[in-house]
Amino acid sequence: MSAPAAIHAALGDARPIAGGRVAGVRGLVAEASGIELPVGGMAEVELEGEFLPAEVVGFREGRVQIMPLGSMRGMSAGAPVWPLSEASAVRAGPFLLGRVIDALGEPIDGGPPLPPGERAPLYREPLPAMERPLLDQALDSGVRAINAATTLARGQRVGLFAGSGVGKSSLLGMMVRGTDADVRVIGLVGERGREVREFIDRELGPARASTVVVAVPSDSPPLLRTRGAYVATAIAEWFRDQGLDVLLMMDSVTRFAFAAREVGLARGEPATTRGYTPSVFAELPTLLERAGRSPSGSITGVYTVLVEGGDMEDPVADALRAILDGHIVLSRELAERGHFPAIDVLASASRAMPAVTAPEHQTAALHLRQLLAAYRDSEDLIQVGAYARGSDPRVDEAIERRGAIDGFLRQELGDRSALDASLAALAQALGGGES
């Protein structure tokens, strides 16, 4: 089966209801006349007897702008365009567990075809604010530093801010294997093809049986990359609606923003903040707000954010900090010292932590931060031997506990630290919990 035919088959039983024609092509966007479809609607372009699916991305001078979900090679003026009556959706069901699918919901792991199943809408409104239950249960991440210092709640949305080569994928793997969530959904959006296979084979381990992977590598068209993020979110919503707790990981939301920028520029939007189009910053909250807790289940969202060179003021990173319920920052300095996971506890925060932890846990976490901050403030003096013991009791304690705290924050990739065990280890590192 050719690529256009395979993509066409992935759309299920949708059938054309009327026809139009390709009137022109501008970059990544084709313009069609004679059809009427809303933004987000689906159409297909007939190319020599085969069908190339496309999504409506806008309108221009009375024509519908469509962006194909595949290569535009071979497209010609006058090619028939058929609207599809079925809205954008992805097949969802328990049969997805253990599978790897693409942005069209088709398996790419060499396994059997997927059964029909239910269809989860790709573009769905987030839950109304007043229908969201309060976050009141902690999520066990399996990582000591996160469980103890930046505890996550079921239904929380948190950003994982990191540059390249600091152990981001390894930390995601630790969380996938260590979490106590019922289902894991992983969206690998815009990643290198090699890294997709490596993550699946090396990081998932036994957790693969309860994991759905949506993989859309960097060589995919931009609309497929943005669609991949919506597919992963729609699948997570389906499992949440079944009453399950879902851990949704998206690597990375920055590359989703890159792809959304390409789509926006292709349809004629002006480039504004550092080249990003306005629609990018409109799409981000719409996508991320779909995670969270519902009356039946929860989606805990972990979204990786690329901050090359430590640029935390990047427009996407800055916008996401305002949208998300917390952030975990990976430090290149720690990674260069061989400290893994390279979580900078002082730069990280969980806004939901006070609601899901006991007062004694919060006190211990604050004590840990105070000791880390005291040591960091005096580190230069300590390293050159200029600090005089007795000058500051907090610094004295930080020096005394330095080795124990460092050992507590380090964790082998194959180790899992449950929430209770993490708290016990924190108390031990702090000397029995004394303040």
Protein backbone atom coordinates (compact mmCIF):
# COMPACT_ATOMS: atom_id res chain seq x y z
CA MET A 1 0.00 0.00 0.00
CA SER A 2 1.39 3.42 -0.92
CA ALA A 3 1.88 6.15 1.68
CA PRO A 4 -1.18 8.25 0.63
CA ALA A 5 -3.35 5.13 0.56
CA ALA A 6 -2.12 4.10 4.02
CA ILE A 7 -2.90 7.53 5.41
CA HIS A 8 -6.32 7.43 3.78
CA ALA A 9 -7.03 4.04 5.34
CA ALA A 10 -6.07 5.39 8.77
CA LEU A 11 -9.03 7.77 8.77
CA GLY A 12 -11.49 4.92 9.16
CA ASP A 13 -14.90 4.89 7.53
CA ALA A 14 -15.19 8.59 6.62
CA ARG A 15 -16.69 9.18 3.17
CA PRO A 16 -16.69 12.22 0.86
CA ILE A 17 -19.96 14.14 0.61
CA ALA A 18 -19.16 16.81 -2.05
CA GLY A 19 -16.25 17.91 -4.15
CA GLY A 20 -13.98 20.86 -4.88
CA ARG A 21 -10.69 21.54 -6.65
CA VAL A 22 -7.15 22.54 -5.77
CA ALA A 23 -6.83 26.19 -6.80
CA GLY A 24 -3.24 26.81 -5.77
CA VAL A 25 -0.35 25.92 -3.50
CA ARG A 26 1.56 28.32 -1.24
CA GLY A 27 4.44 26.67 0.59
CA LEU A 28 3.02 23.96 2.86
CA VAL A 29 -0.60 24.99 2.28
CA ALA A 30 -2.92 24.16 -0.61
CA GLU A 31 -5.96 26.30 -1.40
CA ALA A 32 -9.19 24.64 -2.49
CA SER A 33 -12.33 26.13 -4.00
CA GLY A 34 -15.80 24.66 -4.15
CA ILE A 35 -15.87 23.12 -0.67
CA GLU A 36 -17.08 24.33 2.72
CA LEU A 37 -15.43 23.03 5.89
CA PRO A 38 -14.65 24.51 9.32
CA VAL A 39 -11.14 24.96 10.68
CA GLY A 40 -10.00 21.57 11.95
CA GLY A 41 -12.24 19.74 9.47
CA MET A 42 -10.84 16.97 7.29
CA ALA A 43 -10.64 16.64 3.52
CA GLU A 44 -8.74 14.46 1.08
CA VAL A 45 -7.04 15.32 -2.19
CA GLU A 46 -7.33 12.79 -4.98
CA LEU A 47 -3.97 12.17 -6.65
CA GLU A 48 -3.98 9.65 -9.51
CA GLY A 49 -6.62 7.50 -7.89
CA GLU A 50 -5.16 7.68 -4.39
CA PHE A 51 -6.24 9.92 -1.54
CA LEU A 52 -4.11 12.29 0.52
CA PRO A 53 -5.80 13.40 3.76
CA ALA A 54 -5.56 17.06 4.70
CA GLU A 55 -6.78 19.28 7.51
CA VAL A 56 -8.39 22.70 7.16
CA VAL A 57 -6.12 25.31 8.76
CA GLY A 58 -7.73 28.57 7.59
CA PHE A 59 -9.34 30.59 4.82
CA ARG A 60 -8.02 33.11 2.31
CA GLU A 61 -9.94 35.16 -0.25
CA GLY A 62 -12.89 32.80 -0.32
CA ARG A 63 -10.75 29.66 -0.55
CA VAL A 64 -10.23 26.94 2.03
CA GLN A 65 -6.62 26.49 3.16
CA ILE A 66 -5.77 22.84 3.67
CA MET A 67 -2.51 21.31 4.88
CA PRO A 68 -1.89 17.70 3.79
CA LEU A 69 -0.97 15.04 6.33
CA GLY A 70 1.74 13.77 4.02
CA SER A 71 3.97 14.83 1.14
CA MET A 72 2.56 17.33 -1.38
CA ARG A 73 4.64 15.93 -4.22
CA GLY A 74 2.47 15.23 -7.24
CA MET A 75 -0.26 17.69 -6.25
CA SER A 76 -1.51 19.69 -9.24
CA ALA A 77 -3.95 22.51 -9.89
CA GLY A 78 -7.45 21.18 -10.40
CA ALA A 79 -6.93 18.02 -8.37
CA PRO A 80 -10.24 16.91 -6.81
CA VAL A 81 -10.73 17.71 -3.13
CA TRP A 82 -13.33 15.77 -1.14
CA PRO A 83 -14.64 16.97 2.24
CA LEU A 84 -14.94 14.26 4.87
CA SER A 85 -18.02 14.05 7.04
CA GLU A 86 -16.18 12.63 10.06
CA ALA A 87 -14.44 14.95 12.53
CA SER A 88 -10.79 14.51 13.47
CA ALA A 89 -10.54 11.65 15.96
CA VAL A 90 -8.33 8.72 16.94
CA ARG A 91 -9.27 5.16 17.80
CA ALA A 92 -8.99 4.52 21.53
CA GLY A 93 -9.35 1.51 23.76
CA PRO A 94 -7.43 -0.95 25.96
CA PHE A 95 -5.95 -2.44 22.77
CA LEU A 96 -3.61 0.56 22.61
CA LEU A 97 -1.70 -0.52 25.72
CA GLY A 98 1.77 -1.72 24.80
CA ARG A 99 1.52 -0.28 21.27
CA VAL A 100 3.39 2.43 19.38
CA ILE A 101 1.26 4.50 17.00
CA ASP A 102 1.75 7.50 14.72
CA ALA A 103 -0.11 10.80 14.48
CA LEU A 104 -2.91 9.11 12.55
CA GLY A 105 -3.41 6.45 15.21
CA GLU A 106 -1.91 3.68 13.09
CA PRO A 107 0.53 1.16 14.64
CA ILE A 108 4.18 1.51 13.65
CA ASP A 109 5.59 -1.19 15.92
CA GLY A 110 5.14 -4.09 13.50
CA GLY A 111 2.21 -5.47 15.49
CA PRO A 112 -1.25 -6.42 14.24
CA PRO A 113 -3.73 -3.79 12.99
CA LEU A 114 -5.84 -2.10 15.63
CA PRO A 115 -9.52 -3.02 16.03
CA PRO A 116 -12.13 -0.31 15.31
CA GLY A 117 -12.70 0.75 18.94
CA GLU A 118 -14.22 4.03 20.07
CA ARG A 119 -13.15 7.32 18.51
CA ALA A 120 -11.70 9.98 20.81
CA PRO A 121 -12.00 13.54 19.44
CA LEU A 122 -8.68 15.26 18.80
CA TYR A 123 -9.93 18.78 19.38
CA ARG A 124 -11.97 18.80 22.55
CA GLU A 125 -12.70 21.62 24.96
CA PRO A 126 -10.97 21.41 28.36
CA LEU A 127 -13.12 20.66 31.39
CA PRO A 128 -14.90 23.75 32.75
CA ALA A 129 -13.07 25.23 35.71
CA MET A 130 -15.92 24.66 38.18
CA GLU A 131 -16.25 20.99 37.22
CA ARG A 132 -12.66 20.14 38.14
CA PRO A 133 -12.27 18.39 41.51
CA LEU A 134 -9.59 19.72 43.85
CA LEU A 135 -6.16 18.10 43.72
CA ASP A 136 -5.89 16.16 46.96
CA GLN A 137 -3.90 12.99 46.21
CA ALA A 138 -0.17 12.70 45.68
CA LEU A 139 1.26 10.87 42.68
CA ASP A 140 4.21 8.58 43.33
CA SER A 141 6.82 9.39 40.65
CA GLY A 142 9.33 6.79 41.81
CA VAL A 143 12.04 9.49 41.97
CA ARG A 144 13.26 10.52 45.46
CA ALA A 145 14.04 14.16 44.67
CA ILE A 146 10.61 14.70 43.10
CA ASN A 147 8.63 12.75 45.71
CA ALA A 148 10.29 14.57 48.60
CA ALA A 149 10.98 18.12 47.39
CA THR A 150 8.53 18.76 44.53
CA THR A 151 5.72 16.30 45.22
CA LEU A 152 3.28 15.94 42.33
CA ALA A 153 -0.49 15.64 42.63
CA ARG A 154 -2.73 13.41 40.57
CA GLY A 155 -4.10 15.74 37.91
CA GLN A 156 -1.27 18.26 38.11
CA ARG A 157 0.51 19.68 35.05
CA VAL A 158 4.23 20.23 35.44
CA GLY A 159 7.00 21.33 33.09
CA LEU A 160 10.36 19.56 32.88
CA PHE A 161 12.77 22.32 31.84
CA ALA A 162 16.06 21.06 30.44
CA GLY A 163 18.71 21.60 27.80
CA SER A 164 20.18 18.83 25.70
CA GLY A 165 22.36 16.14 27.23
CA VAL A 166 21.36 16.59 30.88
CA GLY A 167 19.42 13.34 31.33
CA LYS A 168 15.91 14.43 30.38
CA SER A 169 14.99 11.16 28.65
CA SER A 170 16.51 9.11 31.47
CA LEU A 171 14.44 10.97 34.05
CA LEU A 172 11.28 10.46 31.98
CA GLY A 173 12.09 6.75 31.85
CA MET A 174 12.54 6.64 35.63
CA MET A 175 9.14 8.27 36.09
CA VAL A 176 7.44 5.97 33.58
CA ARG A 177 8.80 2.87 35.34
CA GLY A 178 8.36 4.23 38.87
CA THR A 179 4.95 5.89 38.85
CA ASP A 180 1.90 4.33 40.46
CA ALA A 181 -0.42 5.69 37.75
CA ASP A 182 -2.68 3.14 36.07
CA VAL A 183 -1.77 4.05 32.49
CA ARG A 184 1.10 5.92 30.86
CA VAL A 185 0.69 7.82 27.58
CA ILE A 186 3.85 9.18 26.00
CA GLY A 187 3.86 11.66 23.12
CA LEU A 188 7.26 11.81 21.39
CA VAL A 189 6.73 14.92 19.28
CA GLY A 190 9.46 16.12 16.94
CA GLU A 191 12.14 13.85 18.40
CA ARG A 192 14.93 12.36 16.32
CA GLY A 193 13.97 9.00 14.84
CA ARG A 194 16.89 7.28 16.53
CA GLU A 195 15.87 8.64 19.95
CA VAL A 196 12.31 7.39 19.52
CA ARG A 197 13.46 3.78 19.15
CA GLU A 198 16.03 4.13 21.94
CA PHE A 199 13.49 5.55 24.38
CA ILE A 200 10.99 2.77 23.70
CA ASP A 201 13.53 -0.07 23.89
CA ARG A 202 15.72 1.21 26.73
CA GLU A 203 13.56 3.34 28.99
CA LEU A 204 10.13 1.71 29.15
CA GLY A 205 11.11 -1.71 30.47
CA PRO A 206 8.28 -3.63 32.18
CA ALA A 207 6.08 -0.51 32.08
CA ARG A 208 5.60 -0.90 28.33
CA ALA A 209 2.62 -3.19 28.88
CA SER A 210 0.66 -0.31 30.43
CA THR A 211 2.02 2.39 28.12
CA VAL A 212 0.79 3.92 24.88
CA VAL A 213 3.45 5.66 22.78
CA VAL A 214 2.56 8.22 20.10
CA ALA A 215 5.69 8.78 18.01
CA VAL A 216 5.93 11.57 15.45
CA PRO A 217 9.61 12.12 14.60
CA SER A 218 11.16 15.37 13.42
CA ASP A 219 11.02 14.49 9.71
CA SER A 220 7.19 14.43 9.79
CA PRO A 221 5.23 17.35 8.28
CA PRO A 222 4.53 20.10 10.82
CA LEU A 223 0.80 19.42 10.92
CA LEU A 224 1.46 15.78 11.82
CA ARG A 225 3.77 16.92 14.64
CA THR A 226 1.11 19.16 16.13
CA ARG A 227 -1.49 16.46 15.56
CA GLY A 228 0.67 13.97 17.48
CA ALA A 229 0.35 16.08 20.64
CA TYR A 230 -3.44 16.14 20.27
CA VAL A 231 -3.56 12.38 19.61
CA ALA A 232 -1.63 11.65 22.82
CA THR A 233 -3.89 14.00 24.79
CA ALA A 234 -7.08 12.51 23.31
CA ILE A 235 -5.96 8.97 24.21
CA ALA A 236 -5.11 10.08 27.75
CA GLU A 237 -8.58 11.64 28.03
CA TRP A 238 -10.21 8.39 26.93
CA PHE A 239 -8.45 6.42 29.65
CA ARG A 240 -9.26 9.14 32.20
CA ASP A 241 -12.92 8.90 31.25
CA GLN A 242 -12.76 5.20 32.12
CA GLY A 243 -11.95 6.18 35.73
CA LEU A 244 -8.18 5.64 35.52
CA ASP A 245 -5.23 7.74 36.67
CA VAL A 246 -3.10 8.56 33.65
CA LEU A 247 0.45 9.87 33.45
CA LEU A 248 0.75 11.85 30.22
CA MET A 249 4.29 12.73 29.13
CA MET A 250 4.97 14.95 26.15
CA ASP A 251 8.50 15.26 24.83
CA SER A 252 8.57 17.97 23.88
CA VAL A 253 6.02 20.75 24.04
CA THR A 254 8.70 23.09 22.66
CA ARG A 255 8.86 21.12 19.42
CA PHE A 256 5.07 21.17 19.32
CA ALA A 257 5.35 24.96 19.45
CA PHE A 258 7.95 24.88 16.65
CA ALA A 259 5.57 22.88 14.46
CA ALA A 260 2.62 25.13 15.33
CA ARG A 261 4.75 28.12 14.31
CA GLU A 262 5.45 26.48 10.93
CA VAL A 263 1.72 25.92 10.41
CA GLY A 264 0.91 29.50 11.39
CA LEU A 265 3.52 30.99 9.07
CA ALA A 266 2.36 28.75 6.21
CA ARG A 267 -1.21 30.03 6.46
CA GLY A 268 -0.05 33.65 6.46
CA GLU A 269 0.06 34.65 10.14
CA PRO A 270 2.52 37.40 11.05
CA ALA A 271 5.61 36.47 13.02
CA THR A 272 5.59 38.34 16.34
CA THR A 273 7.51 37.32 19.48
CA ARG A 274 10.88 35.95 18.34
CA GLY A 275 9.31 34.61 15.17
CA TYR A 276 6.40 32.83 16.86
CA THR A 277 2.93 33.42 15.48
CA PRO A 278 0.07 34.50 17.78
CA SER A 279 -1.75 31.18 17.33
CA VAL A 280 1.10 29.32 19.07
CA PHE A 281 0.40 31.07 22.36
CA ALA A 282 -3.34 30.50 21.88
CA GLU A 283 -2.87 26.76 21.27
CA LEU A 284 -0.59 26.07 24.24
CA PRO A 285 -3.13 26.69 27.03
CA THR A 286 -5.89 25.01 25.01
CA LEU A 287 -3.80 21.84 24.73
CA LEU A 288 -2.34 21.80 28.24
CA GLU A 289 -5.59 22.64 30.04
CA ARG A 290 -7.05 19.37 28.78
CA ALA A 291 -4.91 17.52 31.30
CA GLY A 292 -6.05 17.52 34.90
CA ARG A 293 -8.45 15.80 37.23
CA SER A 294 -12.04 15.00 36.31
CA PRO A 295 -14.89 13.54 38.40
CA SER A 296 -13.96 10.09 37.08
CA GLY A 297 -10.15 10.02 36.80
CA SER A 298 -7.07 12.13 36.30
CA ILE A 299 -4.37 13.07 33.81
CA THR A 300 -1.07 14.13 35.35
CA GLY A 301 0.80 15.95 32.61
CA VAL A 302 4.60 16.15 32.42
CA TYR A 303 5.68 18.38 29.54
CA THR A 304 9.34 18.73 28.63
CA VAL A 305 10.50 22.22 27.70
CA LEU A 306 13.79 22.80 25.87
CA VAL A 307 15.79 25.67 27.35
CA GLU A 308 19.02 25.65 25.39
CA GLY A 309 21.75 27.65 27.07
CA GLY A 310 19.61 27.99 30.19
CA ASP A 311 17.39 30.59 28.52
CA MET A 312 14.43 30.45 30.86
CA GLU A 313 13.09 33.66 29.28
CA ASP A 314 12.48 31.96 25.92
CA PRO A 315 8.92 32.93 24.86
CA VAL A 316 7.64 29.34 24.98
CA ALA A 317 9.30 28.56 28.32
CA ASP A 318 8.02 31.83 29.78
CA ALA A 319 4.46 31.17 28.59
CA LEU A 320 4.49 27.62 29.91
CA ARG A 321 5.63 28.63 33.40
CA ALA A 322 2.48 30.74 33.63
CA ILE A 323 0.23 27.93 32.39
CA LEU A 324 1.61 24.94 34.29
CA ASP A 325 1.22 24.01 37.96
CA GLY A 326 4.93 23.73 38.62
CA HIS A 327 8.31 23.13 37.06
CA ILE A 328 11.22 20.73 37.49
CA VAL A 329 14.53 22.17 36.31
CA LEU A 330 17.45 20.01 35.23
CA SER A 331 20.87 21.61 35.78
CA ARG A 332 23.72 21.23 33.31
CA GLU A 333 26.19 21.97 36.11
CA LEU A 334 24.90 19.00 38.12
CA ALA A 335 24.95 16.76 35.06
CA GLU A 336 28.56 17.73 34.34
CA ARG A 337 29.45 16.67 37.90
CA GLY A 338 27.92 13.25 37.26
CA HIS A 339 24.98 13.97 39.57
CA PHE A 340 21.89 12.18 38.23
CA PRO A 341 19.06 12.86 38.11
CA ALA A 342 20.33 16.41 37.64
CA ILE A 343 17.34 18.05 39.37
CA ASP A 344 18.01 21.55 40.67
CA VAL A 345 15.79 21.41 43.74
CA LEU A 346 16.11 25.12 44.51
CA ALA A 347 14.98 26.11 41.00
CA SER A 348 12.10 23.60 40.98
CA ALA A 349 8.64 24.00 42.49
CA SER A 350 5.31 22.19 42.69
CA ARG A 351 2.34 24.47 43.25
CA ALA A 352 0.15 21.51 44.20
CA MET A 353 2.53 20.13 46.82
CA PRO A 354 0.98 21.89 49.87
CA ALA A 355 -2.42 20.38 49.06
CA VAL A 356 -1.23 16.76 48.91
CA THR A 357 1.45 16.54 51.63
CA ALA A 358 1.39 16.44 55.41
CA PRO A 359 2.77 19.39 57.45
CA GLU A 360 5.78 17.36 58.60
CA HIS A 361 6.61 16.55 54.97
CA GLN A 362 6.46 20.23 54.04
CA THR A 363 8.67 21.10 57.00
CA ALA A 364 11.28 18.54 55.98
CA ALA A 365 11.23 19.73 52.36
CA LEU A 366 11.67 23.34 53.50
CA HIS A 367 14.56 22.30 55.72
CA LEU A 368 16.20 20.57 52.75
CA ARG A 369 15.86 23.71 50.63
CA GLN A 370 17.27 25.90 53.40
CA LEU A 371 20.36 23.71 53.71
CA LEU A 372 20.89 23.59 49.94
CA ALA A 373 20.51 27.37 49.71
CA ALA A 374 22.85 28.00 52.63
CA TYR A 375 25.55 25.80 51.11
CA ARG A 376 25.15 27.36 47.66
CA ASP A 377 25.41 30.92 49.06
CA SER A 378 28.66 30.11 50.85
CA GLU A 379 30.08 27.55 48.43
CA ASP A 380 32.91 29.74 47.13
CA LEU A 381 34.14 30.46 50.66
CA ILE A 382 33.84 26.80 51.62
CA GLN A 383 35.75 25.60 48.57
CA VAL A 384 38.75 27.90 49.20
CA GLY A 385 38.76 27.21 52.93
CA ALA A 386 37.81 30.78 53.85
CA TYR A 387 34.65 29.91 55.73
CA ALA A 388 35.09 29.84 59.51
CA ARG A 389 33.03 27.22 61.31
CA GLY A 390 30.62 28.81 63.76
CA SER A 391 29.95 31.88 61.59
CA ASP A 392 26.49 30.65 60.59
CA PRO A 393 24.74 27.67 62.24
CA ARG A 394 22.73 26.96 59.07
CA VAL A 395 25.88 26.81 56.92
CA ASP A 396 27.55 24.62 59.55
CA GLU A 397 24.65 22.20 59.35
CA ALA A 398 24.67 22.31 55.55
CA ILE A 399 28.35 21.36 55.52
CA GLU A 400 27.75 18.55 58.00
CA ARG A 401 24.79 17.16 56.04
CA ARG A 402 26.26 17.79 52.59
CA GLY A 403 27.28 14.19 51.87
CA ALA A 404 24.01 12.70 53.12
CA ILE A 405 21.90 15.19 51.15
CA ASP A 406 23.91 14.64 47.98
CA GLY A 407 23.47 10.87 48.36
CA PHE A 408 19.74 11.33 48.92
CA LEU A 409 19.31 13.41 45.75
CA ARG A 410 21.24 10.94 43.58
CA GLN A 411 19.44 7.88 42.28
CA GLU A 412 20.46 5.05 39.98
CA LEU A 413 18.44 4.78 36.78
CA GLY A 414 17.18 1.31 37.65
CA ASP A 415 16.15 2.18 41.21
CA ARG A 416 12.61 3.02 42.26
CA SER A 417 11.93 5.00 45.40
CA ALA A 418 8.32 4.88 46.56
CA LEU A 419 6.79 7.96 48.15
CA ASP A 420 6.98 6.64 51.73
CA ALA A 421 10.53 5.40 51.22
CA SER A 422 11.50 8.80 49.79
CA LEU A 423 10.21 10.59 52.89
CA ALA A 424 12.06 8.18 55.19
CA ALA A 425 15.27 8.72 53.21
CA LEU A 426 14.82 12.50 53.43
CA ALA A 427 14.39 12.34 57.20
CA GLN A 428 17.54 10.24 57.47
CA ALA A 429 19.53 12.66 55.26
CA LEU A 430 18.42 15.53 57.50
CA GLY A 431 19.53 13.71 60.62
CA GLY A 432 16.29 12.16 61.76
CA GLY A 433 14.12 15.10 60.73
CA GLU A 434 15.55 17.60 63.20
CA SER A 435 15.13 21.26 62.22
